Amino acid sequence: MADERALYRLMTWLTPSFPVGAFSYSHGLEWVIEQETVRDAESLRNWIADLLRLGSGRNDAILCAEAWRRADAADWQGLAELAELGLALAPSAERHLETRMQGKAFAGAIAASWPCTATSRLIDATGGEIAYPVAVGAAAAGHGLALSETVGAYLHAFVSTLISVGVRLIPLGQTDGQRLLAALEARVAEIAAQAVSGSIEDLGGATYLADIASMNHETQYTRLFRS
């Protein structure tokens, strides 16, 4: 596939306008912002960088890469098992909702507008109950998109969504948001490369405060986000 067409599809699927509702989830950030654990651009950058290096960002990249590999190999049973594992890794009810609902919406939108065998087989095997990074990786492989570009684009979308939360809640200016994207570029490239060269055996994390934040958000009195 020509690079232009591959880029077009990744930009379409991982843009904020793609109908997965990413704007409605904060990944627990809403709670830590209310607690003032994250209170400015620097603390937001550190929070996201830790998620990328030690937490959900890293694990999502590994799941996305592994889904790509299994779909590329037409390992449909393995892909379905990976979708189940991705959901099981969610540390709280809201994080489970976040990845499940986005995965289901993403797979449904791909099936309706950009159909491919990998997505169809994944939906049939799981009933649409799919962790978001698994849905993205499978669709990308089904359309012949490169693994490294897929994982990098997924992580860019992950970071962009969290920065958007900070811009709205802290609040930060739009220019601060762009500075944060630039500051995290090298970290995104590093984690994407690790996921591409790694395997499912590399899954794991140590961002306990982020997990606890997502649990506390479930009972937060005033909130704008679903997670």
Protein backbone atom coordinates (compact mmCIF):
# COMPACT_ATOMS: atom_id res chain seq x y z
CA MET A 1 0.00 0.00 0.00
CA ALA A 2 1.30 3.45 -0.85
CA ASP A 3 2.60 5.38 2.14
CA GLU A 4 0.09 8.16 1.46
CA ARG A 5 -2.87 5.80 1.75
CA ALA A 6 -1.50 4.21 4.92
CA LEU A 7 -0.96 7.63 6.48
CA TYR A 8 -4.46 8.68 5.45
CA ARG A 9 -6.03 5.71 7.24
CA LEU A 10 -4.01 6.10 10.42
CA MET A 11 -4.80 9.82 10.55
CA THR A 12 -8.48 9.07 10.03
CA TRP A 13 -8.76 6.27 12.56
CA LEU A 14 -6.78 7.98 15.33
CA THR A 15 -8.02 11.53 14.94
CA PRO A 16 -10.31 12.98 17.65
CA SER A 17 -13.17 13.01 15.12
CA PHE A 18 -13.19 9.21 14.75
CA PRO A 19 -16.31 7.98 16.59
CA VAL A 20 -14.84 6.21 19.63
CA GLY A 21 -15.68 8.91 22.19
CA ALA A 22 -12.08 9.35 23.37
CA PHE A 23 -12.87 12.92 24.45
CA SER A 24 -15.19 11.63 27.19
CA TYR A 25 -12.53 9.69 29.13
CA SER A 26 -9.78 11.12 31.35
CA HIS A 27 -7.99 7.86 32.31
CA GLY A 28 -8.21 8.90 35.97
CA LEU A 29 -6.65 12.31 35.33
CA GLU A 30 -9.75 14.18 36.43
CA TRP A 31 -9.32 12.91 39.98
CA VAL A 32 -5.60 13.70 40.28
CA ILE A 33 -6.18 17.17 38.85
CA GLU A 34 -8.86 17.79 41.48
CA GLN A 35 -6.41 16.59 44.14
CA GLU A 36 -3.77 18.91 42.64
CA THR A 37 -1.33 16.04 42.18
CA VAL A 38 -1.29 17.19 38.57
CA ARG A 39 -1.58 20.97 38.59
CA ASP A 40 0.53 22.42 35.74
CA ALA A 41 2.24 21.54 32.47
CA GLU A 42 5.30 20.01 34.13
CA SER A 43 3.36 17.69 36.42
CA LEU A 44 1.11 16.66 33.52
CA ARG A 45 4.16 15.86 31.39
CA ASN A 46 5.63 13.74 34.18
CA TRP A 47 2.33 11.92 34.73
CA ILE A 48 1.95 11.03 31.05
CA ALA A 49 5.62 10.11 30.71
CA ASP A 50 5.26 7.63 33.57
CA LEU A 51 2.17 6.10 31.97
CA LEU A 52 4.17 5.64 28.78
CA ARG A 53 7.24 4.16 30.44
CA LEU A 54 5.70 2.17 33.30
CA GLY A 55 1.94 1.89 32.86
CA SER A 56 -1.04 1.74 30.57
CA GLY A 57 0.61 3.52 27.65
CA ARG A 58 3.34 0.91 27.48
CA ASN A 59 0.94 -2.00 27.92
CA ASP A 60 -1.43 -0.64 25.28
CA ALA A 61 1.46 -0.35 22.84
CA ILE A 62 2.44 -3.98 23.50
CA LEU A 63 -1.18 -5.14 23.05
CA CYS A 64 -1.51 -3.14 19.84
CA ALA A 65 1.70 -4.61 18.42
CA GLU A 66 0.77 -8.16 19.43
CA ALA A 67 -2.71 -7.78 17.91
CA TRP A 68 -1.09 -6.63 14.67
CA ARG A 69 1.19 -9.67 14.62
CA ARG A 70 -1.61 -12.16 15.33
CA ALA A 71 -3.94 -10.62 12.76
CA ASP A 72 -1.14 -10.52 10.20
CA ALA A 73 -0.56 -14.24 10.82
CA ALA A 74 -4.32 -14.95 10.61
CA ASP A 75 -4.17 -16.34 14.18
CA TRP A 76 -7.83 -15.61 14.89
CA GLN A 77 -8.04 -17.70 18.05
CA GLY A 78 -4.96 -16.03 19.44
CA LEU A 79 -6.35 -12.62 18.52
CA ALA A 80 -9.60 -13.33 20.37
CA GLU A 81 -7.65 -14.46 23.44
CA LEU A 82 -5.60 -11.27 23.29
CA ALA A 83 -8.77 -9.17 23.22
CA GLU A 84 -9.91 -10.94 26.38
CA LEU A 85 -6.54 -10.40 28.04
CA GLY A 86 -6.60 -6.72 27.19
CA LEU A 87 -9.90 -6.30 29.01
CA ALA A 88 -8.71 -8.36 31.98
CA LEU A 89 -5.72 -6.05 32.46
CA ALA A 90 -7.94 -3.03 33.21
CA PRO A 91 -7.38 -2.18 36.90
CA SER A 92 -10.77 -0.57 37.60
CA ALA A 93 -14.36 -0.59 36.43
CA GLU A 94 -13.97 2.73 34.64
CA ARG A 95 -10.74 1.81 32.89
CA HIS A 96 -12.43 -1.41 31.78
CA LEU A 97 -15.34 0.65 30.43
CA GLU A 98 -12.92 3.03 28.71
CA THR A 99 -11.00 0.41 26.75
CA ARG A 100 -14.04 -1.81 26.10
CA MET A 101 -16.33 0.92 24.81
CA GLN A 102 -13.65 2.51 22.66
CA GLY A 103 -12.62 -0.88 21.29
CA LYS A 104 -16.19 -1.79 20.46
CA ALA A 105 -16.85 1.60 18.83
CA PHE A 106 -13.60 1.46 16.86
CA ALA A 107 -14.21 -2.06 15.55
CA GLY A 108 -17.80 -1.17 14.65
CA ALA A 109 -16.73 1.94 12.76
CA ILE A 110 -14.04 0.02 10.89
CA ALA A 111 -16.48 -2.76 9.98
CA ALA A 112 -18.97 -0.21 8.66
CA SER A 113 -16.61 2.09 6.79
CA TRP A 114 -13.25 0.33 6.31
CA PRO A 115 -14.12 -3.40 6.39
CA CYS A 116 -11.42 -6.07 6.53
CA THR A 117 -11.25 -9.74 7.42
CA ALA A 118 -9.26 -9.17 10.62
CA THR A 119 -11.84 -6.85 12.14
CA SER A 120 -14.75 -9.04 11.07
CA ARG A 121 -13.19 -12.15 12.57
CA LEU A 122 -12.38 -10.29 15.78
CA ILE A 123 -15.94 -9.00 16.17
CA ASP A 124 -17.39 -12.45 15.46
CA ALA A 125 -15.12 -14.10 18.02
CA THR A 126 -15.67 -11.56 20.80
CA GLY A 127 -19.12 -10.13 20.17
CA GLY A 128 -17.48 -6.72 20.00
CA GLU A 129 -16.02 -6.93 23.53
CA ILE A 130 -12.52 -5.81 22.55
CA ALA A 131 -9.80 -3.81 24.28
CA TYR A 132 -9.16 -0.65 22.26
CA PRO A 133 -5.45 -1.24 21.39
CA VAL A 134 -6.27 -4.76 20.21
CA ALA A 135 -8.98 -3.42 17.89
CA VAL A 136 -6.56 -0.86 16.44
CA GLY A 137 -3.73 -3.33 15.92
CA ALA A 138 -5.96 -5.90 14.24
CA ALA A 139 -7.51 -3.36 11.85
CA ALA A 140 -4.11 -1.97 10.91
CA ALA A 141 -2.78 -5.41 10.06
CA GLY A 142 -5.96 -6.19 8.15
CA HIS A 143 -5.34 -3.16 5.97
CA GLY A 144 -1.64 -3.83 5.50
CA LEU A 145 -0.47 -0.85 7.54
CA ALA A 146 3.06 -0.98 8.92
CA LEU A 147 3.46 -2.15 12.51
CA SER A 148 5.81 0.57 13.72
CA GLU A 149 3.72 3.40 12.29
CA THR A 150 0.56 1.91 13.75
CA VAL A 151 1.95 1.70 17.28
CA GLY A 152 3.47 5.16 17.05
CA ALA A 153 0.18 6.65 15.86
CA TYR A 154 -1.73 4.87 18.62
CA LEU A 155 0.57 6.30 21.28
CA HIS A 156 0.35 9.76 19.75
CA ALA A 157 -3.44 9.58 20.07
CA PHE A 158 -3.12 8.31 23.66
CA VAL A 159 -0.87 11.22 24.63
CA SER A 160 -2.97 13.78 22.74
CA THR A 161 -6.13 12.70 24.55
CA LEU A 162 -4.53 13.05 27.99
CA ILE A 163 -3.05 16.43 27.12
CA SER A 164 -6.49 17.57 25.97
CA VAL A 165 -7.86 16.63 29.40
CA GLY A 166 -5.20 18.75 31.05
CA VAL A 167 -5.82 21.69 28.73
CA ARG A 168 -9.48 21.67 29.73
CA LEU A 169 -9.22 20.92 33.46
CA ILE A 170 -6.02 22.43 34.86
CA PRO A 171 -6.46 24.58 32.69
CA LEU A 172 -3.59 25.01 30.24
CA GLY A 173 -3.34 27.04 27.07
CA GLN A 174 -3.34 25.46 23.64
CA THR A 175 0.31 26.41 23.18
CA ASP A 176 1.19 24.60 26.42
CA GLY A 177 -0.55 21.55 24.98
CA GLN A 178 1.62 21.67 21.87
CA ARG A 179 4.75 22.09 23.96
CA LEU A 180 3.80 18.97 25.87
CA LEU A 181 3.30 16.99 22.66
CA ALA A 182 6.74 18.07 21.51
CA ALA A 183 8.32 17.25 24.86
CA LEU A 184 6.87 13.71 24.81
CA GLU A 185 7.82 12.93 21.22
CA ALA A 186 11.03 11.09 22.09
CA ARG A 187 9.31 9.07 24.85
CA VAL A 188 6.55 7.99 22.45
CA ALA A 189 9.13 6.89 19.87
CA GLU A 190 11.06 4.96 22.54
CA ILE A 191 8.03 3.08 23.86
CA ALA A 192 6.72 2.35 20.36
CA ALA A 193 10.07 0.83 19.39
CA GLN A 194 10.11 -1.30 22.55
CA ALA A 195 6.60 -2.59 21.83
CA VAL A 196 7.44 -3.46 18.23
CA SER A 197 10.57 -5.39 19.20
CA GLY A 198 9.02 -6.95 22.31
CA SER A 199 6.32 -9.50 23.00
CA ILE A 200 3.32 -10.15 25.19
CA GLU A 201 5.72 -11.42 27.86
CA ASP A 202 6.78 -7.80 28.40
CA LEU A 203 3.37 -6.75 29.75
CA GLY A 204 3.46 -5.27 33.24
CA GLY A 205 3.27 -1.98 35.07
CA ALA A 206 4.04 -0.01 38.21
CA THR A 207 1.82 3.08 38.05
CA TYR A 208 -0.20 2.33 41.15
CA LEU A 209 -1.28 5.91 41.77
CA ALA A 210 -2.81 6.06 38.29
CA ASP A 211 -4.73 2.85 38.99
CA ILE A 212 -5.94 4.17 42.34
CA ALA A 213 -6.92 7.47 40.69
CA SER A 214 -9.16 5.62 38.25
CA MET A 215 -10.84 3.84 41.17
CA ASN A 216 -11.34 7.05 43.11
CA HIS A 217 -12.84 8.70 40.06
CA GLU A 218 -15.73 6.23 40.22
CA THR A 219 -17.09 8.08 43.27
CA GLN A 220 -15.87 11.60 42.49
CA TYR A 221 -18.69 13.99 43.33
CA THR A 222 -18.38 16.44 40.44
CA ARG A 223 -16.89 15.24 37.20
CA LEU A 224 -16.92 15.84 33.45
CA PHE A 225 -15.43 12.56 32.23
CA ARG A 226 -16.47 8.92 32.28
CA SER A 227 -13.15 7.70 33.65
